[in-house]
Amino acid sequence: MQPEQIQDLLVKQLHGCEVRVSGADRHFDIVVVGEVFDGLRPVKRQQLVYAVLADHIADGSIHAVNIRTFTSAERAAHQGPMQ
């Protein structure tokens, strides 16, 4: 899979979220910012993202992901604009 394909999947499933995906060769870094994560523990946030990608992980088109999730306020406090 290409980063753009993963980004499209996540944007379609995680409504209202801003998504950035980078990487290649089945290894990807994913940053998702959205209010969908408000009040959720880190494990639950990861599970939301993994659920969207589960079929692609299972079929081997995605091998590894590094996921960072933030609410808008957390992102602003953490680093500013998405990187």
N, C-alpha and C. Protein backbone atom coordinates (compact mmCIF):
# COMPACT_ATOMS: atom_id res chain seq x y z
N MET A 1 0.84 -1.19 0.00
CA MET A 1 0.00 0.00 0.00
C MET A 1 0.87 1.25 0.00
N GLN A 2 0.32 2.28 -0.52
CA GLN A 2 0.99 3.57 -0.53
C GLN A 2 0.46 4.42 0.63
N PRO A 3 1.27 5.36 1.14
CA PRO A 3 0.81 6.22 2.23
C PRO A 3 -0.50 6.92 1.92
N GLU A 4 -0.68 7.34 0.67
CA GLU A 4 -1.90 8.05 0.29
C GLU A 4 -3.14 7.17 0.43
N GLN A 5 -3.00 5.89 0.13
CA GLN A 5 -4.11 4.95 0.26
C GLN A 5 -4.51 4.78 1.73
N ILE A 6 -3.51 4.68 2.58
CA ILE A 6 -3.78 4.54 4.02
C ILE A 6 -4.43 5.81 4.54
N GLN A 7 -3.91 6.95 4.13
CA GLN A 7 -4.48 8.22 4.56
C GLN A 7 -5.94 8.32 4.14
N ASP A 8 -6.26 7.95 2.91
CA ASP A 8 -7.65 7.98 2.44
C ASP A 8 -8.55 7.08 3.27
N LEU A 9 -8.09 5.87 3.58
CA LEU A 9 -8.88 4.96 4.42
C LEU A 9 -9.19 5.57 5.77
N LEU A 10 -8.17 6.15 6.40
CA LEU A 10 -8.34 6.71 7.74
C LEU A 10 -9.24 7.93 7.72
N VAL A 11 -9.08 8.80 6.73
CA VAL A 11 -9.92 10.00 6.65
C VAL A 11 -11.39 9.60 6.47
N LYS A 12 -11.65 8.58 5.66
CA LYS A 12 -13.03 8.13 5.42
C LYS A 12 -13.67 7.52 6.66
N GLN A 13 -12.88 6.84 7.48
CA GLN A 13 -13.43 6.14 8.64
C GLN A 13 -13.38 6.95 9.93
N LEU A 14 -12.40 7.82 10.07
CA LEU A 14 -12.27 8.64 11.28
C LEU A 14 -12.70 10.06 10.94
N HIS A 15 -14.00 10.24 10.90
CA HIS A 15 -14.60 11.49 10.46
C HIS A 15 -14.11 12.69 11.26
N GLY A 16 -13.78 13.73 10.54
CA GLY A 16 -13.36 14.97 11.17
C GLY A 16 -11.90 14.97 11.63
N CYS A 17 -11.17 13.94 11.31
CA CYS A 17 -9.76 13.86 11.72
C CYS A 17 -8.84 14.33 10.61
N GLU A 18 -7.74 14.91 11.03
CA GLU A 18 -6.65 15.26 10.12
C GLU A 18 -5.64 14.12 10.20
N VAL A 19 -5.22 13.62 9.06
CA VAL A 19 -4.36 12.43 9.02
C VAL A 19 -3.14 12.70 8.16
N ARG A 20 -1.98 12.27 8.65
CA ARG A 20 -0.74 12.31 7.88
C ARG A 20 -0.12 10.91 7.94
N VAL A 21 0.28 10.40 6.78
CA VAL A 21 0.91 9.08 6.72
C VAL A 21 2.19 9.21 5.90
N SER A 22 3.26 8.63 6.41
CA SER A 22 4.51 8.58 5.68
C SER A 22 5.07 7.17 5.82
N GLY A 23 6.00 6.85 4.95
CA GLY A 23 6.64 5.55 5.02
C GLY A 23 6.59 4.84 3.68
N ALA A 24 7.11 3.62 3.68
CA ALA A 24 7.15 2.81 2.47
C ALA A 24 7.46 1.37 2.86
N ASP A 25 7.38 0.49 1.88
CA ASP A 25 7.74 -0.91 2.08
C ASP A 25 7.00 -1.54 3.25
N ARG A 26 5.71 -1.25 3.33
CA ARG A 26 4.80 -1.82 4.33
C ARG A 26 5.03 -1.34 5.75
N HIS A 27 5.86 -0.32 5.97
CA HIS A 27 6.12 0.27 7.29
C HIS A 27 5.72 1.74 7.24
N PHE A 28 4.81 2.15 8.13
CA PHE A 28 4.25 3.48 8.03
C PHE A 28 4.20 4.19 9.38
N ASP A 29 4.39 5.50 9.32
CA ASP A 29 4.20 6.38 10.47
C ASP A 29 2.89 7.13 10.23
N ILE A 30 2.03 7.10 11.24
CA ILE A 30 0.70 7.68 11.11
C ILE A 30 0.47 8.66 12.25
N VAL A 31 0.02 9.86 11.90
CA VAL A 31 -0.38 10.86 12.89
C VAL A 31 -1.84 11.19 12.61
N VAL A 32 -2.67 11.09 13.64
CA VAL A 32 -4.08 11.40 13.50
C VAL A 32 -4.47 12.40 14.58
N VAL A 33 -5.10 13.49 14.16
CA VAL A 33 -5.55 14.53 15.08
C VAL A 33 -7.05 14.68 14.93
N GLY A 34 -7.76 14.55 16.04
CA GLY A 34 -9.21 14.73 15.98
C GLY A 34 -9.85 14.64 17.34
N GLU A 35 -11.02 15.20 17.42
CA GLU A 35 -11.75 15.20 18.69
C GLU A 35 -12.32 13.83 19.02
N VAL A 36 -12.29 12.90 18.08
CA VAL A 36 -12.73 11.54 18.33
C VAL A 36 -11.92 10.90 19.47
N PHE A 37 -10.72 11.41 19.72
CA PHE A 37 -9.85 10.86 20.75
C PHE A 37 -10.06 11.49 22.13
N ASP A 38 -10.88 12.52 22.20
CA ASP A 38 -11.10 13.22 23.47
C ASP A 38 -11.62 12.26 24.53
N GLY A 39 -10.93 12.20 25.65
CA GLY A 39 -11.35 11.38 26.78
C GLY A 39 -10.96 9.91 26.68
N LEU A 40 -10.32 9.51 25.60
CA LEU A 40 -9.93 8.11 25.43
C LEU A 40 -8.50 7.88 25.90
N ARG A 41 -8.29 6.72 26.48
CA ARG A 41 -6.94 6.32 26.88
C ARG A 41 -6.12 5.97 25.64
N PRO A 42 -4.80 6.00 25.75
CA PRO A 42 -3.95 5.71 24.59
C PRO A 42 -4.25 4.38 23.89
N VAL A 43 -4.51 3.34 24.64
CA VAL A 43 -4.78 2.04 24.02
C VAL A 43 -6.05 2.10 23.17
N LYS A 44 -7.09 2.74 23.66
CA LYS A 44 -8.33 2.84 22.91
C LYS A 44 -8.13 3.68 21.63
N ARG A 45 -7.32 4.71 21.72
CA ARG A 45 -7.02 5.53 20.54
C ARG A 45 -6.34 4.67 19.47
N GLN A 46 -5.35 3.89 19.88
CA GLN A 46 -4.65 3.01 18.96
C GLN A 46 -5.62 2.00 18.33
N GLN A 47 -6.51 1.46 19.15
CA GLN A 47 -7.46 0.48 18.65
C GLN A 47 -8.37 1.06 17.57
N LEU A 48 -8.76 2.32 17.72
CA LEU A 48 -9.60 2.95 16.69
C LEU A 48 -8.88 3.00 15.35
N VAL A 49 -7.61 3.33 15.37
CA VAL A 49 -6.84 3.41 14.14
C VAL A 49 -6.58 2.01 13.59
N TYR A 50 -6.17 1.09 14.44
CA TYR A 50 -5.92 -0.29 13.99
C TYR A 50 -7.16 -0.92 13.37
N ALA A 51 -8.33 -0.63 13.92
CA ALA A 51 -9.57 -1.21 13.40
C ALA A 51 -9.77 -0.87 11.93
N VAL A 52 -9.40 0.33 11.54
CA VAL A 52 -9.53 0.75 10.14
C VAL A 52 -8.55 -0.02 9.26
N LEU A 53 -7.40 -0.34 9.80
CA LEU A 53 -6.33 -0.96 9.02
C LEU A 53 -6.26 -2.48 9.16
N ALA A 54 -7.09 -3.07 9.98
CA ALA A 54 -6.98 -4.48 10.35
C ALA A 54 -6.92 -5.43 9.15
N ASP A 55 -7.77 -5.24 8.16
CA ASP A 55 -7.77 -6.14 7.00
C ASP A 55 -6.46 -6.05 6.23
N HIS A 56 -5.90 -4.86 6.15
CA HIS A 56 -4.66 -4.66 5.41
C HIS A 56 -3.44 -5.17 6.19
N ILE A 57 -3.53 -5.14 7.50
CA ILE A 57 -2.48 -5.74 8.32
C ILE A 57 -2.56 -7.26 8.18
N ALA A 58 -3.77 -7.79 8.23
CA ALA A 58 -3.97 -9.23 8.13
C ALA A 58 -3.51 -9.80 6.79
N ASP A 59 -3.73 -9.05 5.70
CA ASP A 59 -3.33 -9.58 4.39
C ASP A 59 -1.87 -9.28 4.04
N GLY A 60 -1.16 -8.59 4.94
CA GLY A 60 0.26 -8.34 4.76
C GLY A 60 0.61 -7.10 3.96
N SER A 61 -0.38 -6.36 3.47
CA SER A 61 -0.06 -5.15 2.71
C SER A 61 0.45 -4.03 3.62
N ILE A 62 0.18 -4.16 4.91
CA ILE A 62 0.79 -3.29 5.93
C ILE A 62 1.46 -4.22 6.93
N HIS A 63 2.74 -4.00 7.17
CA HIS A 63 3.46 -4.85 8.11
C HIS A 63 3.60 -4.19 9.48
N ALA A 64 3.94 -2.91 9.49
CA ALA A 64 4.18 -2.22 10.76
C ALA A 64 3.70 -0.78 10.68
N VAL A 65 3.14 -0.32 11.79
CA VAL A 65 2.70 1.07 11.88
C VAL A 65 3.16 1.67 13.20
N ASN A 66 3.52 2.92 13.13
CA ASN A 66 3.81 3.72 14.31
C ASN A 66 2.71 4.77 14.35
N ILE A 67 1.86 4.72 15.36
CA ILE A 67 0.69 5.59 15.41
C ILE A 67 0.83 6.60 16.53
N ARG A 68 0.61 7.86 16.20
CA ARG A 68 0.52 8.93 17.21
C ARG A 68 -0.85 9.58 17.04
N THR A 69 -1.57 9.72 18.15
CA THR A 69 -2.91 10.30 18.12
C THR A 69 -2.98 11.48 19.08
N PHE A 70 -3.74 12.49 18.67
CA PHE A 70 -3.88 13.70 19.47
C PHE A 70 -5.27 14.28 19.27
N THR A 71 -5.77 14.97 20.29
CA THR A 71 -6.88 15.89 20.06
C THR A 71 -6.25 17.17 19.51
N SER A 72 -7.06 18.07 19.03
CA SER A 72 -6.52 19.34 18.51
C SER A 72 -5.75 20.10 19.58
N ALA A 73 -6.28 20.14 20.78
CA ALA A 73 -5.62 20.85 21.88
C ALA A 73 -4.30 20.20 22.24
N GLU A 74 -4.27 18.87 22.28
CA GLU A 74 -3.03 18.16 22.59
C GLU A 74 -1.97 18.43 21.53
N ARG A 75 -2.37 18.43 20.29
CA ARG A 75 -1.43 18.66 19.21
C ARG A 75 -0.85 20.06 19.28
N ALA A 76 -1.72 21.04 19.54
CA ALA A 76 -1.26 22.43 19.65
C ALA A 76 -0.26 22.57 20.79
N ALA A 77 -0.53 21.90 21.91
CA ALA A 77 0.37 21.98 23.06
C ALA A 77 1.65 21.19 22.82
N HIS A 78 1.56 20.12 22.04
CA HIS A 78 2.69 19.22 21.83
C HIS A 78 3.72 19.77 20.85
N GLN A 79 3.27 20.19 19.66
CA GLN A 79 4.22 20.60 18.64
C GLN A 79 3.74 21.68 17.70
N GLY A 80 2.50 22.03 17.73
CA GLY A 80 2.00 22.96 16.73
C GLY A 80 1.50 22.20 15.52
N PRO A 81 1.81 22.66 14.30
CA PRO A 81 1.29 22.02 13.09
C PRO A 81 1.73 20.55 13.00
N MET A 82 0.92 19.76 12.32
CA MET A 82 1.24 18.34 12.15
C MET A 82 2.51 18.18 11.35
N GLN A 83 3.29 17.17 11.73
CA GLN A 83 4.53 16.85 11.00
C GLN A 83 4.51 15.39 10.66
